[in-house]
C-alpha atoms as a PDB file:
ATOM      1  CA  MET A   1      -0.108   0.060   0.141  1.00  0.00           C
ATOM      2  CA  ALA A   2       1.521   3.182  -0.685  1.00  0.00           C
ATOM      3  CA  ALA A   3       2.560   5.879   1.791  1.00  0.00           C
ATOM      4  CA  ARG A   4       0.040   8.550   2.586  1.00  0.00           C
ATOM      5  CA  ARG A   5       1.222  12.321   3.328  1.00  0.00           C
ATOM      6  CA  VAL A   6      -0.650  13.351   6.137  1.00  0.00           C
ATOM      7  CA  LYS A   7      -1.198  17.237   6.009  1.00  0.00           C
ATOM      8  CA  GLY A   8      -2.151  19.001   9.045  1.00  0.00           C
ATOM      9  CA  ASN A   9      -5.096  21.442   8.533  1.00  0.00           C
ATOM     10  CA  GLY A  10      -5.023  22.880  12.124  1.00  0.00           C
ATOM     11  CA  GLY A  11      -8.058  21.192  13.215  1.00  0.00           C
ATOM     12  CA  ARG A  12      -9.563  17.909  13.984  1.00  0.00           C
ATOM     13  CA  PRO A  13     -10.204  15.726  11.309  1.00  0.00           C
ATOM     14  CA  ARG A  14     -13.830  14.900  10.138  1.00  0.00           C
ATOM     15  CA  SER A  15     -14.636  11.345  10.987  1.00  0.00           C
ATOM     16  CA  PRO A  16     -17.715   9.217  11.027  1.00  0.00           C
ATOM     17  CA  ILE A  17     -16.880   7.705  14.187  1.00  0.00           C
ATOM     18  CA  LYS A  18     -16.422   8.985  17.513  1.00  0.00           C
ATOM     19  CA  VAL A  19     -12.940   8.508  18.963  1.00  0.00           C
ATOM     20  CA  LEU A  20     -11.561   8.657  22.373  1.00  0.00           C
ATOM     21  CA  VAL A  21      -8.014   9.468  22.667  1.00  0.00           C
ATOM     22  CA  ILE A  22      -5.959   8.852  25.539  1.00  0.00           C
ATOM     23  CA  ASP A  23      -2.464  10.226  25.925  1.00  0.00           C
ATOM     24  CA  VAL A  24      -0.639   8.360  28.669  1.00  0.00           C
ATOM     25  CA  GLY A  25       2.487  10.187  30.544  1.00  0.00           C
ATOM     26  CA  GLY A  26       4.365   9.714  33.361  1.00  0.00           C
ATOM     27  CA  THR A  27       3.028  12.508  35.216  1.00  0.00           C
ATOM     28  CA  ASN A  28      -0.580  12.697  33.840  1.00  0.00           C
ATOM     29  CA  VAL A  29      -3.186  10.991  31.637  1.00  0.00           C
ATOM     30  CA  LYS A  30      -4.813  13.050  29.294  1.00  0.00           C
ATOM     31  CA  VAL A  31      -7.960  12.181  27.538  1.00  0.00           C
ATOM     32  CA  LEU A  32     -10.290  13.877  24.676  1.00  0.00           C
ATOM     33  CA  GLY A  33     -13.423  12.901  22.669  1.00  0.00           C
ATOM     34  CA  THR A  34     -14.355  13.602  19.378  1.00  0.00           C
ATOM     35  CA  SER A  35     -17.194  15.671  20.505  1.00  0.00           C
ATOM     36  CA  ARG A  36     -15.444  17.294  23.219  1.00  0.00           C
ATOM     37  CA  SER A  37     -13.277  20.595  23.251  1.00  0.00           C
ATOM     38  CA  THR A  38     -11.301  20.603  26.399  1.00  0.00           C
ATOM     39  CA  PRO A  39      -9.228  17.506  27.664  1.00  0.00           C
ATOM     40  CA  ARG A  40      -9.436  15.944  30.925  1.00  0.00           C
ATOM     41  CA  LYS A  41      -6.081  15.383  33.027  1.00  0.00           C
ATOM     42  CA  ILE A  42      -5.926  12.452  35.428  1.00  0.00           C
ATOM     43  CA  PRO A  43      -2.674  12.088  37.602  1.00  0.00           C
ATOM     44  CA  SER A  44      -0.379   9.135  36.599  1.00  0.00           C
ATOM     45  CA  GLY A  45       2.814   8.538  38.137  1.00  0.00           C
ATOM     46  CA  PRO A  46       5.205   5.498  39.281  1.00  0.00           C
ATOM     47  CA  THR A  47       2.311   3.445  40.747  1.00  0.00           C
ATOM     48  CA  MET A  48      -0.248   3.508  38.073  1.00  0.00           C
ATOM     49  CA  THR A  49      -0.943   0.387  36.584  1.00  0.00           C
ATOM     50  CA  ALA A  50      -2.558  -0.557  33.244  1.00  0.00           C
ATOM     51  CA  SER A  51      -5.571  -1.507  35.042  1.00  0.00           C
ATOM     52  CA  ASP A  52      -5.678   1.762  37.176  1.00  0.00           C
ATOM     53  CA  MET A  53      -5.497   3.867  33.884  1.00  0.00           C
ATOM     54  CA  VAL A  54      -8.524   2.204  32.242  1.00  0.00           C
ATOM     55  CA  SER A  55     -10.490   2.525  35.383  1.00  0.00           C
ATOM     56  CA  ALA A  56      -9.477   6.152  35.814  1.00  0.00           C
ATOM     57  CA  VAL A  57     -10.390   6.980  32.279  1.00  0.00           C
ATOM     58  CA  LYS A  58     -13.713   5.229  32.560  1.00  0.00           C
ATOM     59  CA  ARG A  59     -14.406   7.538  35.576  1.00  0.00           C
ATOM     60  CA  ALA A  60     -13.346  10.663  34.014  1.00  0.00           C
ATOM     61  CA  THR A  61     -15.270   9.837  30.804  1.00  0.00           C
ATOM     62  CA  VAL A  62     -18.621   8.763  32.176  1.00  0.00           C
ATOM     63  CA  GLY A  63     -21.591   9.758  29.694  1.00  0.00           C
ATOM     64  CA  TRP A  64     -19.049  10.189  26.810  1.00  0.00           C
ATOM     65  CA  ALA A  65     -20.045   8.510  23.617  1.00  0.00           C
ATOM     66  CA  TYR A  66     -17.476   6.960  21.656  1.00  0.00           C
ATOM     67  CA  ASP A  67     -16.747   4.016  19.073  1.00  0.00           C
ATOM     68  CA  VAL A  68     -13.153   3.500  19.047  1.00  0.00           C
ATOM     69  CA  VAL A  69     -10.361   4.285  21.235  1.00  0.00           C
ATOM     70  CA  SER A  70      -6.648   5.439  20.416  1.00  0.00           C
ATOM     71  CA  ILE A  71      -3.689   5.081  23.192  1.00  0.00           C
ATOM     72  CA  GLY A  72      -0.642   6.959  23.023  1.00  0.00           C
ATOM     73  CA  TYR A  73       1.691   4.872  25.082  1.00  0.00           C
ATOM     74  CA  PRO A  74       4.984   5.918  26.763  1.00  0.00           C
ATOM     75  CA  GLY A  75       7.097   3.155  25.377  1.00  0.00           C
ATOM     76  CA  PRO A  76       7.619   0.815  22.351  1.00  0.00           C
ATOM     77  CA  VAL A  77       4.802  -0.860  20.440  1.00  0.00           C
ATOM     78  CA  TRP A  78       4.968  -3.657  18.094  1.00  0.00           C
ATOM     79  CA  ASP A  79       1.817  -4.706  15.940  1.00  0.00           C
ATOM     80  CA  GLY A  80      -0.341  -2.224  18.129  1.00  0.00           C
ATOM     81  CA  ARG A  81       0.728  -3.900  21.472  1.00  0.00           C
ATOM     82  CA  PRO A  82       3.174  -2.562  24.142  1.00  0.00           C
ATOM     83  CA  ILE A  83       6.288  -4.713  24.304  1.00  0.00           C
ATOM     84  CA  ALA A  84       7.845  -3.300  27.363  1.00  0.00           C
ATOM     85  CA  GLU A  85       6.523  -2.060  30.590  1.00  0.00           C
ATOM     86  CA  PRO A  86       6.984   1.922  30.728  1.00  0.00           C
ATOM     87  CA  LYS A  87      10.032   3.326  32.792  1.00  0.00           C
ATOM     88  CA  ASN A  88       7.821   5.860  34.646  1.00  0.00           C
ATOM     89  CA  LEU A  89       4.482   3.987  35.429  1.00  0.00           C
ATOM     90  CA  GLY A  90       3.370   0.868  37.262  1.00  0.00           C
ATOM     91  CA  GLY A  91       3.111  -2.605  35.471  1.00  0.00           C
ATOM     92  CA  GLY A  92       0.598  -4.596  33.689  1.00  0.00           C
ATOM     93  CA  TRP A  93       0.696  -2.829  30.302  1.00  0.00           C
ATOM     94  CA  VAL A  94       2.572  -5.514  28.017  1.00  0.00           C
ATOM     95  CA  LYS A  95      -0.333  -8.115  29.333  1.00  0.00           C
ATOM     96  CA  CYS A  96      -3.369  -5.574  29.130  1.00  0.00           C
ATOM     97  CA  ASP A  97      -6.295  -6.616  26.585  1.00  0.00           C
ATOM     98  CA  PHE A  98      -7.249  -2.882  25.948  1.00  0.00           C
ATOM     99  CA  GLN A  99      -9.820  -3.873  23.567  1.00  0.00           C
ATOM    100  CA  LYS A 100     -11.361  -5.885  26.297  1.00  0.00           C
ATOM    101  CA  ALA A 101     -11.128  -3.676  28.779  1.00  0.00           C
ATOM    102  CA  PHE A 102     -12.737  -0.699  26.990  1.00  0.00           C
ATOM    103  CA  GLY A 103     -15.317  -2.890  25.192  1.00  0.00           C
ATOM    104  CA  LYS A 104     -14.209  -0.900  21.823  1.00  0.00           C
ATOM    105  CA  PRO A 105     -11.873  -1.305  19.128  1.00  0.00           C
ATOM    106  CA  VAL A 106      -8.682  -0.027  20.270  1.00  0.00           C
ATOM    107  CA  LYS A 107      -5.303   1.069  18.481  1.00  0.00           C
ATOM    108  CA  VAL A 108      -2.105   1.616  20.499  1.00  0.00           C
ATOM    109  CA  ILE A 109       0.668   3.659  19.293  1.00  0.00           C
ATOM    110  CA  ASN A 110       3.977   5.002  20.912  1.00  0.00           C
ATOM    111  CA  ASP A 111       2.926   8.461  22.590  1.00  0.00           C
ATOM    112  CA  ALA A 112       5.717  10.397  20.473  1.00  0.00           C
ATOM    113  CA  ALA A 113       4.470   8.771  17.509  1.00  0.00           C
ATOM    114  CA  MET A 114       1.057   9.949  18.053  1.00  0.00           C
ATOM    115  CA  GLN A 115       1.824  13.584  18.651  1.00  0.00           C
ATOM    116  CA  ALA A 116       4.208  13.213  15.642  1.00  0.00           C
ATOM    117  CA  LEU A 117       1.439  12.299  13.921  1.00  0.00           C
ATOM    118  CA  GLY A 118      -0.297  15.205  14.477  1.00  0.00           C
ATOM    119  CA  SER A 119       2.510  17.675  14.149  1.00  0.00           C
ATOM    120  CA  TYR A 120       3.387  16.376  10.643  1.00  0.00           C
ATOM    121  CA  HIS A 121       3.270  18.770   7.571  1.00  0.00           C
ATOM    122  CA  GLY A 122       5.295  16.887   4.718  1.00  0.00           C
ATOM    123  CA  GLY A 123       8.883  16.118   4.266  1.00  0.00           C
ATOM    124  CA  ARG A 124      11.275  14.646   6.451  1.00  0.00           C
ATOM    125  CA  MET A 125      10.461  15.701  10.225  1.00  0.00           C
ATOM    126  CA  LEU A 126      12.038  14.746  13.497  1.00  0.00           C
ATOM    127  CA  PHE A 127       9.849  14.743  16.609  1.00  0.00           C
ATOM    128  CA  LEU A 128      11.054  15.062  20.202  1.00  0.00           C
ATOM    129  CA  GLY A 129       8.932  14.943  22.864  1.00  0.00           C
ATOM    130  CA  LEU A 130      10.478  16.718  26.158  1.00  0.00           C
ATOM    131  CA  GLY A 131       8.324  15.350  28.989  1.00  0.00           C
ATOM    132  CA  THR A 132       8.908  13.111  31.872  1.00  0.00           C
ATOM    133  CA  GLY A 133      11.425  11.237  29.573  1.00  0.00           C
ATOM    134  CA  LEU A 134      11.959  11.674  25.953  1.00  0.00           C
ATOM    135  CA  GLY A 135       9.890  10.282  23.052  1.00  0.00           C
ATOM    136  CA  SER A 136      11.326  10.396  19.490  1.00  0.00           C
ATOM    137  CA  ALA A 137       9.725   9.499  15.958  1.00  0.00           C
ATOM    138  CA  LEU A 138      10.777  10.164  12.389  1.00  0.00           C
ATOM    139  CA  VAL A 139       8.328  10.878   9.588  1.00  0.00           C
ATOM    140  CA  ILE A 140       9.675  10.665   6.221  1.00  0.00           C
ATOM    141  CA  ASP A 141       7.138  11.177   3.261  1.00  0.00           C
ATOM    142  CA  GLY A 142       4.136  10.174   5.194  1.00  0.00           C
ATOM    143  CA  VAL A 143       5.848   6.914   6.761  1.00  0.00           C
ATOM    144  CA  LEU A 144       5.887   6.986  10.375  1.00  0.00           C
ATOM    145  CA  ALA A 145       8.808   5.606  12.174  1.00  0.00           C
ATOM    146  CA  PRO A 146       8.443   5.241  16.031  1.00  0.00           C
ATOM    147  CA  MET A 147      11.868   5.560  17.750  1.00  0.00           C
ATOM    148  CA  GLU A 148      13.468   4.619  21.270  1.00  0.00           C
ATOM    149  CA  LEU A 149      16.256   7.059  21.423  1.00  0.00           C
ATOM    150  CA  ALA A 150      15.721   7.984  25.087  1.00  0.00           C
ATOM    151  CA  HIS A 151      18.002   5.345  26.531  1.00  0.00           C
ATOM    152  CA  LEU A 152      20.732   5.439  24.052  1.00  0.00           C
ATOM    153  CA  PRO A 153      24.153   6.290  26.020  1.00  0.00           C
ATOM    154  CA  TYR A 154      24.888  10.104  25.240  1.00  0.00           C
ATOM    155  CA  SER A 155      27.532  11.477  27.596  1.00  0.00           C
ATOM    156  CA  LYS A 156      29.647  10.707  30.874  1.00  0.00           C
ATOM    157  CA  GLY A 157      27.380   7.207  31.282  1.00  0.00           C
ATOM    158  CA  ARG A 158      24.214   9.007  30.963  1.00  0.00           C
ATOM    159  CA  THR A 159      21.534   8.729  28.340  1.00  0.00           C
ATOM    160  CA  TYR A 160      19.897  11.274  26.214  1.00  0.00           C
ATOM    161  CA  GLU A 161      16.807  11.142  28.404  1.00  0.00           C
ATOM    162  CA  ASP A 162      18.972  11.719  31.459  1.00  0.00           C
ATOM    163  CA  TYR A 163      20.060  14.979  29.772  1.00  0.00           C
ATOM    164  CA  VAL A 164      16.672  16.422  28.211  1.00  0.00           C
ATOM    165  CA  GLY A 165      14.115  14.917  30.345  1.00  0.00           C
ATOM    166  CA  LEU A 166      12.868  15.782  33.614  1.00  0.00           C
ATOM    167  CA  ARG A 167      15.714  14.430  35.385  1.00  0.00           C
ATOM    168  CA  GLY A 168      18.163  16.291  33.555  1.00  0.00           C
ATOM    169  CA  LEU A 169      16.171  19.522  33.789  1.00  0.00           C
ATOM    170  CA  LYS A 170      16.217  18.822  37.413  1.00  0.00           C
ATOM    171  CA  ARG A 171      19.826  18.167  38.008  1.00  0.00           C
ATOM    172  CA  CYS A 172      21.041  20.887  35.732  1.00  0.00           C
ATOM    173  CA  GLY A 173      18.625  23.882  36.065  1.00  0.00           C
ATOM    174  CA  LYS A 174      16.826  25.785  33.368  1.00  0.00           C
ATOM    175  CA  LYS A 175      19.693  27.339  31.910  1.00  0.00           C
ATOM    176  CA  LYS A 176      21.871  24.658  31.400  1.00  0.00           C
ATOM    177  CA  TRP A 177      19.051  22.340  30.368  1.00  0.00           C
ATOM    178  CA  ARG A 178      17.763  24.510  27.329  1.00  0.00           C
ATOM    179  CA  ARG A 179      21.560  24.472  26.077  1.00  0.00           C
ATOM    180  CA  GLN A 180      21.576  20.690  26.187  1.00  0.00           C
ATOM    181  CA  VAL A 181      18.176  20.391  24.618  1.00  0.00           C
ATOM    182  CA  ILE A 182      19.502  22.593  21.797  1.00  0.00           C
ATOM    183  CA  GLU A 183      22.864  20.536  21.308  1.00  0.00           C
ATOM    184  CA  VAL A 184      21.001  17.372  21.321  1.00  0.00           C
ATOM    185  CA  THR A 185      18.274  18.437  18.828  1.00  0.00           C
ATOM    186  CA  GLN A 186      20.882  19.553  16.493  1.00  0.00           C
ATOM    187  CA  ALA A 187      22.865  16.670  16.656  1.00  0.00           C
ATOM    188  CA  LEU A 188      20.030  14.208  16.146  1.00  0.00           C
ATOM    189  CA  CYS A 189      18.737  16.446  13.412  1.00  0.00           C
ATOM    190  CA  ARG A 190      22.105  16.087  11.552  1.00  0.00           C
ATOM    191  CA  ALA A 191      22.219  12.254  12.002  1.00  0.00           C
ATOM    192  CA  LEU A 192      18.865  11.482  10.883  1.00  0.00           C
ATOM    193  CA  GLN A 193      18.719  14.000   8.158  1.00  0.00           C
ATOM    194  CA  ALA A 194      15.499  15.758   9.139  1.00  0.00           C
ATOM    195  CA  GLU A 195      14.352  18.743   7.361  1.00  0.00           C
ATOM    196  CA  TYR A 196      12.719  20.189  10.386  1.00  0.00           C
ATOM    197  CA  VAL A 197      12.229  19.241  14.063  1.00  0.00           C
ATOM    198  CA  VAL A 198       9.257  19.648  16.244  1.00  0.00           C
ATOM    199  CA  LEU A 199       9.478  19.743  19.992  1.00  0.00           C
ATOM    200  CA  GLY A 200       6.705  18.926  21.906  1.00  0.00           C
ATOM    201  CA  GLY A 201       6.015  17.369  25.421  1.00  0.00           C
ATOM    202  CA  GLY A 202       4.807  19.197  28.653  1.00  0.00           C
ATOM    203  CA  ASN A 203       8.525  20.666  29.145  1.00  0.00           C
ATOM    204  CA  ALA A 204       8.954  22.315  25.359  1.00  0.00           C
ATOM    205  CA  LYS A 205       7.183  25.406  26.801  1.00  0.00           C
ATOM    206  CA  ARG A 206      10.101  26.067  28.853  1.00  0.00           C
ATOM    207  CA  LEU A 207      12.592  26.883  26.046  1.00  0.00           C
ATOM    208  CA  LYS A 208      13.188  30.424  24.943  1.00  0.00           C
ATOM    209  CA  GLN A 209      15.189  30.588  21.783  1.00  0.00           C
ATOM    210  CA  LEU A 210      15.173  27.823  18.966  1.00  0.00           C
ATOM    211  CA  PRO A 211      17.580  27.368  16.142  1.00  0.00           C
ATOM    212  CA  ASP A 212      16.282  27.651  12.669  1.00  0.00           C
ATOM    213  CA  GLY A 213      14.423  24.669  11.282  1.00  0.00           C
ATOM    214  CA  VAL A 214      13.356  23.793  14.974  1.00  0.00           C
ATOM    215  CA  ARG A 215       9.796  24.765  16.148  1.00  0.00           C
ATOM    216  CA  LEU A 216       7.308  24.116  19.062  1.00  0.00           C
ATOM    217  CA  GLY A 217       4.625  21.904  18.813  1.00  0.00           C
ATOM    218  CA  ASP A 218       1.295  21.832  20.452  1.00  0.00           C
ATOM    219  CA  ASN A 219       0.745  19.215  22.964  1.00  0.00           C
ATOM    220  CA  GLY A 220      -2.988  19.262  21.306  1.00  0.00           C
ATOM    221  CA  ASN A 221      -1.215  17.428  18.366  1.00  0.00           C
ATOM    222  CA  ALA A 222      -1.326  14.285  20.336  1.00  0.00           C
ATOM    223  CA  PHE A 223      -5.246  14.370  20.336  1.00  0.00           C
ATOM    224  CA  LEU A 224      -5.033  15.138  16.597  1.00  0.00           C
ATOM    225  CA  GLY A 225      -2.777  12.294  15.895  1.00  0.00           C
ATOM    226  CA  GLY A 226      -5.197  10.058  17.673  1.00  0.00           C
ATOM    227  CA  PHE A 227      -8.141  11.144  15.733  1.00  0.00           C
ATOM    228  CA  ARG A 228      -6.030  10.794  12.587  1.00  0.00           C
ATOM    229  CA  MET A 229      -5.404   7.014  13.391  1.00  0.00           C
ATOM    230  CA  TRP A 230      -8.952   6.423  12.410  1.00  0.00           C
ATOM    231  CA  GLU A 231      -9.119   8.325   9.188  1.00  0.00           C
ATOM    232  CA  ASP A 232     -10.774   6.639   6.237  1.00  0.00           C
ATOM    233  CA  THR A 233      -7.133   6.749   4.122  1.00  0.00           C
ATOM    234  CA  PRO A 234      -4.499   4.840   6.189  1.00  0.00           C
ATOM    235  CA  LEU A 235      -1.126   6.159   7.102  1.00  0.00           C
ATOM    236  CA  ARG A 236       1.495   3.598   6.926  1.00  0.00           C
ATOM    237  CA  VAL A 237       3.595   3.178  10.103  1.00  0.00           C
ATOM    238  CA  ARG A 238       6.760   1.472  10.300  1.00  0.00           C
ATOM    239  CA  SER A 239       7.063  -0.556  13.505  1.00  0.00           C
ATOM    240  CA  LYS A 240       9.852  -1.271  16.073  1.00  0.00           C
ATOM    241  CA  THR A 241      12.342  -3.840  14.081  1.00  0.00           C
ATOM    242  CA  ARG A 242      12.779  -6.820  15.652  1.00  0.00           C
ATOM    243  CA  THR A 243      14.515 -10.094  14.241  1.00  0.00           C
ATOM    244  CA  ARG A 244      12.448 -12.600  12.517  1.00  0.00           C
ATOM    245  CA  SER A 245      13.001 -16.166  11.451  1.00  0.00           C
ATOM    246  CA  GLN A 246      13.117 -16.670   7.697  1.00  0.00           C
ATOM    247  CA  ASP A 247       9.884 -18.476   7.684  1.00  0.00           C
ATOM    248  CA  GLU A 248       8.158 -15.537   9.472  1.00  0.00           C
ATOM    249  CA  GLN A 249       9.572 -12.863   6.841  1.00  0.00           C
ATOM    250  CA  THR A 250       8.399 -15.344   3.947  1.00  0.00           C
ATOM    251  CA  ALA A 251       4.866 -15.465   5.418  1.00  0.00           C
ATOM    252  CA  ALA A 252       4.651 -11.843   6.329  1.00  0.00           C
ATOM    253  CA  GLY A 253       5.726 -10.523   2.740  1.00  0.00           C
ATOM    254  CA  PRO A 254       7.644  -7.526   1.788  1.00  0.00           C
ATOM    255  CA  GLU A 255       4.735  -4.991   2.491  1.00  0.00           C
ATOM    256  CA  ARG A 256       4.510  -6.317   5.987  1.00  0.00           C
ATOM    257  CA  LEU A 257       7.979  -6.458   7.440  1.00  0.00           C
ATOM    258  CA  GLY A 258       8.107  -3.813  10.378  1.00  0.00           C
ATOM    259  CA  GLU A 259       5.106  -1.957   9.308  1.00  0.00           C
ATOM    260  CA  THR A 260       1.758  -1.678  10.684  1.00  0.00           C
ATOM    261  CA  THR A 261      -1.152  -0.136   8.406  1.00  0.00           C
ATOM    262  CA  PHE A 262      -3.870   1.628  10.682  1.00  0.00           C
ATOM    263  CA  GLN A 263      -7.448   1.130   8.866  1.00  0.00           C
ATOM    264  CA  ARG A 264     -10.856   1.686  10.221  1.00  0.00           C
ATOM    265  CA  PRO A 265     -12.306  -1.441  11.455  1.00  0.00           C
END
């Protein structure tokens, strides 16, 4: 299937189905429905399990009408399912059957990828989410590639997330943290040959000056990305790469290797 270029129109796409978008973060879980204008915020943190999240979202959305659910998950996702427990939350996420829990069709995507999907305006875009941790995704001509740059070694035995995530902000203070964010952003932009960079996440607003080719994203783009996941025209999403046997590769076929295509149910 040919890749589709997503064009941001500054608003929510028109959809015949009602979508509940859940943006899971290490500090808060934010939810928004198709017919709602203001997101609801639910405190999360290191003790929130997957079951806790489902229960809290159901309580926060009593009376909301929705047909399907989009979940932005703060960790790697393979074929629509988390493959590792989140670093900044409780457990139970990998084994959770979200579709059964919500009783609706559910699509799960990496949270940074969901915001990248809502931020994309063509070409080669690198998205970096500056929140509790560091989210990352690359979009090239409409093909979305979720990434896991946060825990790669960066400097002095620390990772990228240690420098530009919340721990780095607390350890270094705002002034030094801002300088580190710009250095990391420019280095990754060069390495990945991105045409432009979008910085999102709750801490992006703390930045004062940005170099050419770098702009601040709107956290509301995460919800736009969640709505886009259920659009009629599918977006091709390149999933996390993992090693497959020759038999698996033959059965999957060239179009399916490392890719997930979002389509309406």
